[in-house]
Amino acid sequence: MSNEVGLPRPAENGRMSVEETISRRRSCRIFASTPLSLRQLAQLLWCAQGVTARAASGRAAPSAGATYPIEVFVAVGDGTVEGLSRGVYRYNPPRHVLEPCGGKDVRPQVASAALEQRFLATAPVDLLIAADYRRTGRRYGERAVRYVHMEVGHVGQNVHLQCEALGLGTVAVGAFSDDDVKSAFGLPGELSPLYLMPVGHPC
């Protein structure tokens, strides 16, 4: 697609140890208006679902049977991510690009869908972690629900720890109307929203 957004190559080493990121990890609900860089956003998306083993298409978070049910979407506003226009984007892990899904700033709509948690409207970025249960269900039947929920926890923790390493803040939000979040992000019917994660510089 000609309107895809290429993302900077992710870093695979950093200045902060995993032990320090675990020690420093806290939930953040108050964000500065400072925009994120495209490199920071790219790093967060890579740690959520990025490809880390090309030969086996391995991802940054473990997935039962390598069924990869998780999809990550991004909502940004005007100037909230440097070099990125407002709107909703889907992260494409194999190609490490963003695919535009709509040109509207939906963060206020997302906040309303999340029981008026207004920090979702003011954070520079709202990440949505959604899942297609069918991908895992084809192999594991009813057990797939448990496996998908395990996987979204792995993804959420990766994002939390990467935020700490980048000097950013986030929080995992699960209180929302599924239908309203799906409407805000324009999700196809097969995807179920599981986590919202606002991201920004802590105040």
N, C-alpha and C. Protein backbone atom coordinates (compact mmCIF):
# COMPACT_ATOMS: atom_id res chain seq x y z
N MET A 1 0.84 -1.20 0.00
CA MET A 1 0.00 0.00 0.00
C MET A 1 0.87 1.25 0.00
N SER A 2 0.54 2.22 -0.84
CA SER A 2 1.37 3.40 -0.98
C SER A 2 1.31 4.31 0.24
N ASN A 3 0.24 4.21 1.03
CA ASN A 3 0.11 5.09 2.18
C ASN A 3 0.55 4.42 3.48
N GLU A 4 1.21 3.28 3.40
CA GLU A 4 1.80 2.68 4.60
C GLU A 4 2.86 3.59 5.19
N VAL A 5 3.06 3.47 6.49
CA VAL A 5 4.09 4.25 7.18
C VAL A 5 5.21 3.30 7.60
N GLY A 6 6.36 3.46 6.98
CA GLY A 6 7.52 2.67 7.39
C GLY A 6 8.00 3.08 8.76
N LEU A 7 8.45 2.13 9.55
CA LEU A 7 8.88 2.41 10.92
C LEU A 7 10.39 2.22 11.07
N PRO A 8 11.02 3.01 11.93
CA PRO A 8 12.45 2.83 12.18
C PRO A 8 12.75 1.43 12.71
N ARG A 9 13.92 0.96 12.37
CA ARG A 9 14.36 -0.35 12.83
C ARG A 9 14.42 -0.37 14.36
N PRO A 10 13.89 -1.40 15.02
CA PRO A 10 13.90 -1.43 16.49
C PRO A 10 15.29 -1.69 17.04
N ALA A 11 15.54 -1.16 18.21
CA ALA A 11 16.79 -1.44 18.93
C ALA A 11 16.64 -2.76 19.66
N GLU A 12 17.71 -3.53 19.73
CA GLU A 12 17.69 -4.81 20.42
C GLU A 12 18.58 -4.80 21.65
N ASN A 13 19.05 -3.63 22.03
CA ASN A 13 19.76 -3.47 23.30
C ASN A 13 19.51 -2.05 23.79
N GLY A 14 19.66 -1.85 25.08
CA GLY A 14 19.37 -0.53 25.66
C GLY A 14 20.23 -0.25 26.87
N ARG A 15 19.97 0.89 27.49
CA ARG A 15 20.78 1.33 28.63
C ARG A 15 20.26 0.84 29.97
N MET A 16 19.01 0.37 30.01
CA MET A 16 18.41 -0.04 31.27
C MET A 16 18.25 -1.55 31.30
N SER A 17 18.64 -2.16 32.40
CA SER A 17 18.54 -3.62 32.53
C SER A 17 17.09 -4.04 32.72
N VAL A 18 16.79 -5.29 32.42
CA VAL A 18 15.43 -5.79 32.62
C VAL A 18 15.07 -5.73 34.10
N GLU A 19 16.07 -5.96 34.98
CA GLU A 19 15.79 -5.89 36.42
C GLU A 19 15.35 -4.48 36.83
N GLU A 20 16.00 -3.47 36.26
CA GLU A 20 15.63 -2.10 36.61
C GLU A 20 14.25 -1.74 36.06
N THR A 21 13.93 -2.19 34.85
CA THR A 21 12.61 -1.87 34.31
C THR A 21 11.52 -2.52 35.16
N ILE A 22 11.75 -3.74 35.64
CA ILE A 22 10.77 -4.39 36.51
C ILE A 22 10.62 -3.63 37.81
N SER A 23 11.74 -3.19 38.37
CA SER A 23 11.69 -2.45 39.63
C SER A 23 10.98 -1.12 39.49
N ARG A 24 11.14 -0.46 38.35
CA ARG A 24 10.58 0.88 38.14
C ARG A 24 9.15 0.86 37.60
N ARG A 25 8.67 -0.29 37.14
CA ARG A 25 7.37 -0.35 36.48
C ARG A 25 6.23 0.10 37.40
N ARG A 26 5.51 1.12 36.96
CA ARG A 26 4.35 1.64 37.68
C ARG A 26 3.28 2.03 36.66
N SER A 27 2.04 2.05 37.09
CA SER A 27 0.97 2.51 36.22
C SER A 27 0.96 4.03 36.17
N CYS A 28 0.74 4.59 35.00
CA CYS A 28 0.75 6.04 34.80
C CYS A 28 -0.55 6.46 34.12
N ARG A 29 -1.19 7.48 34.71
CA ARG A 29 -2.45 7.97 34.15
C ARG A 29 -2.44 9.47 33.88
N ILE A 30 -1.30 10.12 34.12
CA ILE A 30 -1.19 11.55 33.86
C ILE A 30 -0.02 11.75 32.90
N PHE A 31 -0.32 12.34 31.73
CA PHE A 31 0.68 12.43 30.67
C PHE A 31 0.92 13.87 30.26
N ALA A 32 2.17 14.18 29.95
CA ALA A 32 2.52 15.48 29.38
C ALA A 32 2.06 15.53 27.92
N SER A 33 1.98 16.73 27.39
CA SER A 33 1.56 16.89 25.99
C SER A 33 2.70 16.66 25.00
N THR A 34 3.90 16.41 25.51
CA THR A 34 5.06 16.17 24.65
C THR A 34 4.80 15.01 23.69
N PRO A 35 5.01 15.21 22.40
CA PRO A 35 4.76 14.12 21.45
C PRO A 35 5.78 13.00 21.59
N LEU A 36 5.39 11.82 21.16
CA LEU A 36 6.33 10.71 21.04
C LEU A 36 7.04 10.82 19.70
N SER A 37 8.23 10.28 19.63
CA SER A 37 8.90 10.18 18.34
C SER A 37 8.41 8.92 17.64
N LEU A 38 8.55 8.90 16.33
CA LEU A 38 8.17 7.71 15.58
C LEU A 38 9.04 6.52 15.99
N ARG A 39 10.27 6.80 16.35
CA ARG A 39 11.16 5.72 16.80
C ARG A 39 10.66 5.10 18.10
N GLN A 40 10.19 5.94 19.03
CA GLN A 40 9.64 5.40 20.28
C GLN A 40 8.42 4.53 20.02
N LEU A 41 7.52 5.01 19.16
CA LEU A 41 6.33 4.23 18.84
C LEU A 41 6.71 2.92 18.16
N ALA A 42 7.66 2.98 17.24
CA ALA A 42 8.10 1.77 16.56
C ALA A 42 8.66 0.75 17.54
N GLN A 43 9.40 1.23 18.52
CA GLN A 43 9.99 0.33 19.51
C GLN A 43 8.90 -0.35 20.35
N LEU A 44 7.87 0.41 20.72
CA LEU A 44 6.77 -0.15 21.51
C LEU A 44 6.00 -1.21 20.71
N LEU A 45 5.76 -0.93 19.45
CA LEU A 45 5.03 -1.89 18.62
C LEU A 45 5.85 -3.15 18.40
N TRP A 46 7.13 -3.00 18.22
CA TRP A 46 8.01 -4.16 18.05
C TRP A 46 8.02 -5.01 19.30
N CYS A 47 8.07 -4.39 20.48
CA CYS A 47 8.12 -5.19 21.71
C CYS A 47 6.77 -5.85 21.98
N ALA A 48 5.70 -5.32 21.40
CA ALA A 48 4.38 -5.92 21.57
C ALA A 48 4.20 -7.13 20.68
N GLN A 49 4.54 -6.99 19.39
CA GLN A 49 4.27 -8.06 18.42
C GLN A 49 5.32 -8.18 17.34
N GLY A 50 6.45 -7.52 17.50
CA GLY A 50 7.45 -7.52 16.45
C GLY A 50 8.06 -8.90 16.20
N VAL A 51 8.54 -9.09 14.99
CA VAL A 51 9.20 -10.34 14.62
C VAL A 51 10.62 -10.32 15.14
N THR A 52 10.98 -11.35 15.92
CA THR A 52 12.31 -11.42 16.53
C THR A 52 13.12 -12.60 16.01
N ALA A 53 12.50 -13.50 15.27
CA ALA A 53 13.21 -14.66 14.72
C ALA A 53 12.70 -14.87 13.30
N ARG A 54 13.40 -14.31 12.35
CA ARG A 54 12.93 -14.33 10.97
C ARG A 54 12.71 -15.74 10.44
N ALA A 55 13.61 -16.65 10.76
CA ALA A 55 13.52 -18.00 10.19
C ALA A 55 12.22 -18.70 10.61
N ALA A 56 11.79 -18.45 11.85
CA ALA A 56 10.59 -19.12 12.36
C ALA A 56 9.42 -18.15 12.54
N SER A 57 9.59 -16.91 12.11
CA SER A 57 8.58 -15.87 12.28
C SER A 57 8.20 -15.69 13.75
N GLY A 58 9.16 -15.91 14.65
CA GLY A 58 8.91 -15.75 16.08
C GLY A 58 8.63 -14.31 16.44
N ARG A 59 7.78 -14.11 17.43
CA ARG A 59 7.38 -12.78 17.87
C ARG A 59 8.00 -12.43 19.22
N ALA A 60 7.89 -11.16 19.59
CA ALA A 60 8.45 -10.68 20.85
C ALA A 60 7.70 -11.22 22.06
N ALA A 61 6.44 -11.61 21.89
CA ALA A 61 5.66 -12.22 22.97
C ALA A 61 5.33 -13.65 22.59
N PRO A 62 5.36 -14.59 23.55
CA PRO A 62 5.06 -15.99 23.24
C PRO A 62 3.60 -16.19 22.85
N SER A 63 3.38 -17.13 21.95
CA SER A 63 2.04 -17.42 21.44
C SER A 63 1.83 -18.92 21.37
N ALA A 64 0.73 -19.40 21.94
CA ALA A 64 0.45 -20.84 21.94
C ALA A 64 0.41 -21.38 20.52
N GLY A 65 1.29 -22.34 20.23
CA GLY A 65 1.30 -22.95 18.92
C GLY A 65 1.65 -22.01 17.80
N ALA A 66 2.27 -20.86 18.13
CA ALA A 66 2.60 -19.84 17.13
C ALA A 66 1.39 -19.49 16.27
N THR A 67 0.21 -19.36 16.93
CA THR A 67 -1.02 -19.04 16.21
C THR A 67 -1.24 -17.53 16.08
N TYR A 68 -0.56 -16.74 16.88
CA TYR A 68 -0.54 -15.27 16.77
C TYR A 68 -1.93 -14.65 16.59
N PRO A 69 -2.76 -14.73 17.62
CA PRO A 69 -4.11 -14.14 17.53
C PRO A 69 -4.15 -12.64 17.76
N ILE A 70 -3.04 -12.07 18.23
CA ILE A 70 -3.04 -10.67 18.67
C ILE A 70 -2.85 -9.71 17.50
N GLU A 71 -3.63 -8.63 17.52
CA GLU A 71 -3.47 -7.51 16.59
C GLU A 71 -3.34 -6.23 17.41
N VAL A 72 -2.44 -5.35 17.00
CA VAL A 72 -2.21 -4.10 17.72
C VAL A 72 -2.57 -2.92 16.84
N PHE A 73 -3.37 -2.02 17.40
CA PHE A 73 -3.80 -0.80 16.71
C PHE A 73 -3.33 0.41 17.49
N VAL A 74 -3.17 1.53 16.78
CA VAL A 74 -2.66 2.76 17.36
C VAL A 74 -3.61 3.90 17.03
N ALA A 75 -3.97 4.70 18.03
CA ALA A 75 -4.75 5.92 17.81
C ALA A 75 -3.89 7.12 18.19
N VAL A 76 -3.74 8.07 17.28
CA VAL A 76 -2.93 9.26 17.54
C VAL A 76 -3.71 10.51 17.13
N GLY A 77 -3.30 11.63 17.70
CA GLY A 77 -3.93 12.90 17.38
C GLY A 77 -3.03 13.77 16.53
N ASP A 78 -3.42 15.02 16.35
CA ASP A 78 -2.61 15.97 15.58
C ASP A 78 -1.31 16.26 16.33
N GLY A 79 -0.18 15.90 15.73
CA GLY A 79 1.11 16.22 16.31
C GLY A 79 1.47 15.44 17.55
N THR A 80 0.76 14.36 17.87
CA THR A 80 1.08 13.62 19.09
C THR A 80 2.18 12.58 18.87
N VAL A 81 2.45 12.24 17.61
CA VAL A 81 3.61 11.42 17.25
C VAL A 81 4.30 12.13 16.09
N GLU A 82 5.56 12.45 16.27
CA GLU A 82 6.29 13.20 15.26
C GLU A 82 6.31 12.45 13.93
N GLY A 83 5.90 13.14 12.86
CA GLY A 83 5.93 12.55 11.54
C GLY A 83 4.77 11.64 11.22
N LEU A 84 3.76 11.60 12.10
CA LEU A 84 2.61 10.71 11.88
C LEU A 84 1.32 11.53 11.91
N SER A 85 0.50 11.38 10.89
CA SER A 85 -0.78 12.09 10.84
C SER A 85 -1.77 11.47 11.81
N ARG A 86 -2.71 12.28 12.23
CA ARG A 86 -3.73 11.78 13.16
C ARG A 86 -4.51 10.63 12.53
N GLY A 87 -5.03 9.77 13.38
CA GLY A 87 -5.85 8.67 12.87
C GLY A 87 -5.60 7.37 13.59
N VAL A 88 -6.12 6.30 13.02
CA VAL A 88 -5.98 4.94 13.54
C VAL A 88 -5.11 4.15 12.57
N TYR A 89 -4.19 3.36 13.14
CA TYR A 89 -3.28 2.54 12.34
C TYR A 89 -3.25 1.12 12.89
N ARG A 90 -3.04 0.18 12.00
CA ARG A 90 -2.81 -1.21 12.39
C ARG A 90 -1.33 -1.53 12.19
N TYR A 91 -0.74 -2.19 13.18
CA TYR A 91 0.65 -2.59 13.07
C TYR A 91 0.75 -3.91 12.31
N ASN A 92 1.60 -3.92 11.29
CA ASN A 92 1.87 -5.12 10.50
C ASN A 92 3.23 -5.66 10.94
N PRO A 93 3.26 -6.71 11.78
CA PRO A 93 4.54 -7.18 12.33
C PRO A 93 5.54 -7.70 11.30
N PRO A 94 5.14 -8.56 10.36
CA PRO A 94 6.14 -9.08 9.43
C PRO A 94 6.85 -8.00 8.63
N ARG A 95 6.13 -6.93 8.30
CA ARG A 95 6.72 -5.86 7.49
C ARG A 95 7.18 -4.68 8.34
N HIS A 96 6.85 -4.67 9.63
CA HIS A 96 7.20 -3.58 10.55
C HIS A 96 6.79 -2.22 9.97
N VAL A 97 5.50 -2.14 9.62
CA VAL A 97 4.93 -0.90 9.09
C VAL A 97 3.58 -0.66 9.76
N LEU A 98 3.10 0.58 9.64
CA LEU A 98 1.76 0.93 10.07
C LEU A 98 0.86 1.04 8.85
N GLU A 99 -0.33 0.45 8.96
CA GLU A 99 -1.31 0.52 7.89
C GLU A 99 -2.45 1.44 8.33
N PRO A 100 -2.69 2.54 7.63
CA PRO A 100 -3.77 3.47 8.03
C PRO A 100 -5.13 2.80 7.96
N CYS A 101 -5.94 3.07 8.99
CA CYS A 101 -7.30 2.51 9.06
C CYS A 101 -8.36 3.60 9.14
N GLY A 102 -7.95 4.86 9.21
CA GLY A 102 -8.90 5.96 9.33
C GLY A 102 -8.16 7.22 9.74
N GLY A 103 -8.66 8.37 9.29
CA GLY A 103 -7.94 9.62 9.51
C GLY A 103 -8.49 10.50 10.62
N LYS A 104 -9.29 9.96 11.50
CA LYS A 104 -9.91 10.73 12.57
C LYS A 104 -9.17 10.50 13.89
N ASP A 105 -9.06 11.56 14.71
CA ASP A 105 -8.53 11.41 16.06
C ASP A 105 -9.63 10.82 16.93
N VAL A 106 -9.53 9.55 17.25
CA VAL A 106 -10.59 8.86 17.98
C VAL A 106 -10.33 8.79 19.48
N ARG A 107 -9.26 9.42 19.96
CA ARG A 107 -8.94 9.30 21.39
C ARG A 107 -10.07 9.78 22.30
N PRO A 108 -10.76 10.90 22.01
CA PRO A 108 -11.90 11.26 22.86
C PRO A 108 -13.00 10.20 22.85
N GLN A 109 -13.23 9.59 21.70
CA GLN A 109 -14.23 8.53 21.59
C GLN A 109 -13.80 7.31 22.39
N VAL A 110 -12.51 7.02 22.36
CA VAL A 110 -11.98 5.89 23.13
C VAL A 110 -12.16 6.13 24.63
N ALA A 111 -11.89 7.36 25.07
CA ALA A 111 -12.06 7.69 26.49
C ALA A 111 -13.51 7.52 26.92
N SER A 112 -14.44 7.94 26.09
CA SER A 112 -15.86 7.77 26.40
C SER A 112 -16.23 6.29 26.46
N ALA A 113 -15.67 5.51 25.55
CA ALA A 113 -15.95 4.07 25.54
C ALA A 113 -15.38 3.38 26.77
N ALA A 114 -14.35 3.99 27.36
CA ALA A 114 -13.69 3.41 28.54
C ALA A 114 -14.22 4.06 29.82
N LEU A 115 -15.53 4.25 29.87
CA LEU A 115 -16.20 4.75 31.08
C LEU A 115 -15.67 6.11 31.51
N GLU A 116 -15.39 6.96 30.51
CA GLU A 116 -14.96 8.34 30.72
C GLU A 116 -13.61 8.44 31.45
N GLN A 117 -12.72 7.51 31.18
CA GLN A 117 -11.36 7.63 31.70
C GLN A 117 -10.60 8.61 30.79
N ARG A 118 -10.59 9.87 31.20
CA ARG A 118 -10.19 10.96 30.30
C ARG A 118 -8.72 10.94 29.92
N PHE A 119 -7.89 10.25 30.68
CA PHE A 119 -6.47 10.20 30.30
C PHE A 119 -6.27 9.51 28.97
N LEU A 120 -7.24 8.72 28.53
CA LEU A 120 -7.15 8.10 27.21
C LEU A 120 -7.33 9.12 26.09
N ALA A 121 -7.96 10.26 26.42
CA ALA A 121 -8.14 11.33 25.43
C ALA A 121 -6.94 12.25 25.37
N THR A 122 -6.16 12.31 26.45
CA THR A 122 -5.04 13.26 26.51
C THR A 122 -3.68 12.61 26.29
N ALA A 123 -3.57 11.29 26.46
CA ALA A 123 -2.31 10.62 26.16
C ALA A 123 -1.99 10.77 24.68
N PRO A 124 -0.74 10.99 24.32
CA PRO A 124 -0.39 11.14 22.90
C PRO A 124 -0.78 9.95 22.04
N VAL A 125 -0.72 8.75 22.62
CA VAL A 125 -0.99 7.52 21.88
C VAL A 125 -1.89 6.62 22.71
N ASP A 126 -2.88 6.03 22.07
CA ASP A 126 -3.65 4.93 22.67
C ASP A 126 -3.37 3.67 21.86
N LEU A 127 -2.83 2.67 22.53
CA LEU A 127 -2.66 1.37 21.90
C LEU A 127 -3.87 0.51 22.21
N LEU A 128 -4.36 -0.22 21.23
CA LEU A 128 -5.41 -1.21 21.43
C LEU A 128 -4.83 -2.58 21.09
N ILE A 129 -4.93 -3.48 22.04
CA ILE A 129 -4.51 -4.86 21.82
C ILE A 129 -5.78 -5.69 21.68
N ALA A 130 -5.96 -6.26 20.51
CA ALA A 130 -7.17 -7.04 20.20
C ALA A 130 -6.76 -8.45 19.80
N ALA A 131 -7.74 -9.35 19.75
CA ALA A 131 -7.44 -10.74 19.42
C ALA A 131 -8.51 -11.35 18.53
N ASP A 132 -8.05 -12.23 17.68
CA ASP A 132 -8.94 -13.08 16.87
C ASP A 132 -8.84 -14.49 17.46
N TYR A 133 -9.81 -14.84 18.30
CA TYR A 133 -9.77 -16.12 19.00
C TYR A 133 -9.78 -17.31 18.05
N ARG A 134 -10.29 -17.12 16.85
CA ARG A 134 -10.40 -18.23 15.90
C ARG A 134 -9.03 -18.80 15.54
N ARG A 135 -8.03 -17.95 15.47
CA ARG A 135 -6.70 -18.40 15.05
C ARG A 135 -6.15 -19.46 16.00
N THR A 136 -6.34 -19.22 17.30
CA THR A 136 -5.87 -20.18 18.29
C THR A 136 -6.88 -21.30 18.48
N GLY A 137 -8.16 -20.97 18.32
CA GLY A 137 -9.21 -21.96 18.51
C GLY A 137 -9.16 -23.09 17.51
N ARG A 138 -8.69 -22.82 16.31
CA ARG A 138 -8.61 -23.89 15.29
C ARG A 138 -7.71 -25.04 15.76
N ARG A 139 -6.74 -24.71 16.58
CA ARG A 139 -5.82 -25.74 17.05
C ARG A 139 -6.18 -26.26 18.44
N TYR A 140 -6.69 -25.37 19.30
CA TYR A 140 -6.85 -25.75 20.71
C TYR A 140 -8.30 -25.76 21.20
N GLY A 141 -9.25 -25.51 20.34
CA GLY A 141 -10.64 -25.57 20.76
C GLY A 141 -10.95 -24.57 21.86
N GLU A 142 -11.75 -24.99 22.83
CA GLU A 142 -12.18 -24.09 23.91
C GLU A 142 -11.01 -23.63 24.77
N ARG A 143 -9.95 -24.40 24.81
CA ARG A 143 -8.77 -24.03 25.60
C ARG A 143 -8.13 -22.75 25.06
N ALA A 144 -8.44 -22.41 23.84
CA ALA A 144 -7.83 -21.24 23.20
C ALA A 144 -8.11 -19.95 23.96
N VAL A 145 -9.27 -19.84 24.57
CA VAL A 145 -9.59 -18.61 25.31
C VAL A 145 -8.55 -18.36 26.39
N ARG A 146 -8.20 -19.40 27.12
CA ARG A 146 -7.18 -19.25 28.17
C ARG A 146 -5.85 -18.84 27.56
N TYR A 147 -5.47 -19.47 26.47
CA TYR A 147 -4.17 -19.19 25.86
C TYR A 147 -4.10 -17.76 25.33
N VAL A 148 -5.18 -17.29 24.72
CA VAL A 148 -5.20 -15.92 24.21
C VAL A 148 -5.06 -14.92 25.35
N HIS A 149 -5.73 -15.18 26.46
CA HIS A 149 -5.65 -14.26 27.59
C HIS A 149 -4.26 -14.28 28.22
N MET A 150 -3.62 -15.42 28.24
CA MET A 150 -2.21 -15.46 28.67
C MET A 150 -1.36 -14.59 27.75
N GLU A 151 -1.60 -14.72 26.47
CA GLU A 151 -0.76 -14.01 25.50
C GLU A 151 -0.91 -12.50 25.61
N VAL A 152 -2.14 -12.03 25.78
CA VAL A 152 -2.31 -10.58 25.89
C VAL A 152 -1.62 -10.05 27.15
N GLY A 153 -1.55 -10.87 28.20
CA GLY A 153 -0.79 -10.46 29.39
C GLY A 153 0.69 -10.32 29.11
N HIS A 154 1.23 -11.25 28.32
CA HIS A 154 2.65 -11.15 27.94
C HIS A 154 2.90 -9.85 27.15
N VAL A 155 2.00 -9.57 26.21
CA VAL A 155 2.15 -8.37 25.39
C VAL A 155 2.08 -7.11 26.26
N GLY A 156 1.10 -7.07 27.15
CA GLY A 156 0.96 -5.90 28.01
C GLY A 156 2.18 -5.66 28.87
N GLN A 157 2.75 -6.72 29.42
CA GLN A 157 3.94 -6.55 30.26
C GLN A 157 5.13 -6.10 29.41
N ASN A 158 5.26 -6.63 28.21
CA ASN A 158 6.33 -6.15 27.33
C ASN A 158 6.23 -4.64 27.11
N VAL A 159 5.01 -4.18 26.84
CA VAL A 159 4.81 -2.74 26.60
C VAL A 159 5.13 -1.94 27.86
N HIS A 160 4.67 -2.42 29.01
CA HIS A 160 4.98 -1.74 30.28
C HIS A 160 6.48 -1.59 30.47
N LEU A 161 7.22 -2.67 30.29
CA LEU A 161 8.65 -2.64 30.56
C LEU A 161 9.39 -1.81 29.52
N GLN A 162 8.97 -1.88 28.26
CA GLN A 162 9.60 -1.06 27.24
C GLN A 162 9.35 0.41 27.49
N CYS A 163 8.15 0.75 27.96
CA CYS A 163 7.87 2.15 28.32
C CYS A 163 8.85 2.64 29.38
N GLU A 164 9.07 1.84 30.41
CA GLU A 164 10.01 2.25 31.46
C GLU A 164 11.40 2.48 30.88
N ALA A 165 11.84 1.58 30.00
CA ALA A 165 13.16 1.70 29.41
C ALA A 165 13.29 2.96 28.55
N LEU A 166 12.17 3.42 27.98
CA LEU A 166 12.18 4.60 27.11
C LEU A 166 11.84 5.89 27.86
N GLY A 167 11.59 5.79 29.16
CA GLY A 167 11.22 6.98 29.93
C GLY A 167 9.78 7.40 29.70
N LEU A 168 8.95 6.46 29.29
CA LEU A 168 7.53 6.73 29.03
C LEU A 168 6.68 6.07 30.11
N GLY A 169 5.38 6.39 30.10
CA GLY A 169 4.46 5.79 31.04
C GLY A 169 3.28 5.18 30.33
N THR A 170 2.65 4.20 30.98
CA THR A 170 1.45 3.57 30.45
C THR A 170 0.68 2.94 31.58
N VAL A 171 -0.50 2.43 31.25
CA VAL A 171 -1.32 1.66 32.18
C VAL A 171 -2.21 0.75 31.33
N ALA A 172 -2.47 -0.45 31.84
CA ALA A 172 -3.36 -1.37 31.14
C ALA A 172 -4.79 -1.10 31.57
N VAL A 173 -5.66 -0.83 30.61
CA VAL A 173 -7.06 -0.51 30.87
C VAL A 173 -7.94 -1.63 30.32
N GLY A 174 -8.77 -2.18 31.19
CA GLY A 174 -9.68 -3.23 30.76
C GLY A 174 -11.14 -2.86 30.91
N ALA A 175 -11.40 -1.71 31.55
CA ALA A 175 -12.78 -1.28 31.77
C ALA A 175 -13.25 -0.44 30.59
N PHE A 176 -14.01 -1.07 29.70
CA PHE A 176 -14.54 -0.36 28.54
C PHE A 176 -15.67 -1.16 27.92
N SER A 177 -16.47 -0.48 27.12
CA SER A 177 -17.50 -1.14 26.32
C SER A 177 -16.84 -1.73 25.08
N ASP A 178 -16.90 -3.05 24.95
CA ASP A 178 -16.28 -3.69 23.79
C ASP A 178 -16.82 -3.12 22.48
N ASP A 179 -18.14 -3.00 22.40
CA ASP A 179 -18.76 -2.52 21.16
C ASP A 179 -18.32 -1.11 20.82
N ASP A 180 -18.23 -0.26 21.84
CA ASP A 180 -17.86 1.14 21.60
C ASP A 180 -16.39 1.27 21.21
N VAL A 181 -15.53 0.45 21.80
CA VAL A 181 -14.11 0.47 21.41
C VAL A 181 -13.96 -0.06 19.99
N LYS A 182 -14.69 -1.11 19.66
CA LYS A 182 -14.63 -1.64 18.30
C LYS A 182 -15.08 -0.58 17.29
N SER A 183 -16.12 0.16 17.65
CA SER A 183 -16.61 1.22 16.77
C SER A 183 -15.58 2.33 16.61
N ALA A 184 -14.95 2.74 17.71
CA ALA A 184 -13.96 3.82 17.66
C ALA A 184 -12.79 3.47 16.75
N PHE A 185 -12.30 2.25 16.86
CA PHE A 185 -11.13 1.83 16.09
C PHE A 185 -11.50 1.24 14.73
N GLY A 186 -12.80 1.03 14.49
CA GLY A 186 -13.23 0.42 13.23
C GLY A 186 -12.79 -1.01 13.08
N LEU A 187 -12.83 -1.79 14.17
CA LEU A 187 -12.36 -3.16 14.12
C LEU A 187 -13.30 -4.04 13.30
N PRO A 188 -12.75 -4.98 12.56
CA PRO A 188 -13.60 -5.98 11.90
C PRO A 188 -14.24 -6.89 12.94
N GLY A 189 -15.31 -7.55 12.56
CA GLY A 189 -16.11 -8.32 13.51
C GLY A 189 -15.37 -9.43 14.21
N GLU A 190 -14.35 -10.00 13.58
CA GLU A 190 -13.66 -11.15 14.19
C GLU A 190 -12.70 -10.76 15.31
N LEU A 191 -12.43 -9.46 15.47
CA LEU A 191 -11.48 -9.02 16.49
C LEU A 191 -12.20 -8.57 17.75
N SER A 192 -11.67 -9.01 18.90
CA SER A 192 -12.20 -8.62 20.21
C SER A 192 -11.19 -7.74 20.92
N PRO A 193 -11.58 -6.56 21.39
CA PRO A 193 -10.65 -5.71 22.12
C PRO A 193 -10.39 -6.26 23.52
N LEU A 194 -9.12 -6.30 23.94
CA LEU A 194 -8.77 -6.86 25.23
C LEU A 194 -8.11 -5.85 26.17
N TYR A 195 -7.18 -5.08 25.66
CA TYR A 195 -6.47 -4.06 26.46
C TYR A 195 -6.47 -2.75 25.71
N LEU A 196 -6.61 -1.66 26.46
CA LEU A 196 -6.23 -0.33 26.00
C LEU A 196 -5.02 0.10 26.81
N MET A 197 -4.03 0.68 26.14
CA MET A 197 -2.82 1.14 26.83
C MET A 197 -2.46 2.54 26.33
N PRO A 198 -2.83 3.60 27.09
CA PRO A 198 -2.38 4.94 26.73
C PRO A 198 -0.88 5.07 27.00
N VAL A 199 -0.19 5.80 26.15
CA VAL A 199 1.26 5.95 26.28
C VAL A 199 1.64 7.40 26.12
N GLY A 200 2.53 7.87 26.98
CA GLY A 200 3.06 9.22 26.87
C GLY A 200 4.17 9.46 27.86
N HIS A 201 4.66 10.69 27.88
CA HIS A 201 5.67 11.08 28.87
C HIS A 201 4.97 11.37 30.19
N PRO A 202 5.41 10.74 31.28
CA PRO A 202 4.77 11.00 32.57
C PRO A 202 4.97 12.45 33.02
N CYS A 203 3.96 13.00 33.66
CA CYS A 203 4.09 14.35 34.23
C CYS A 203 4.84 14.29 35.55
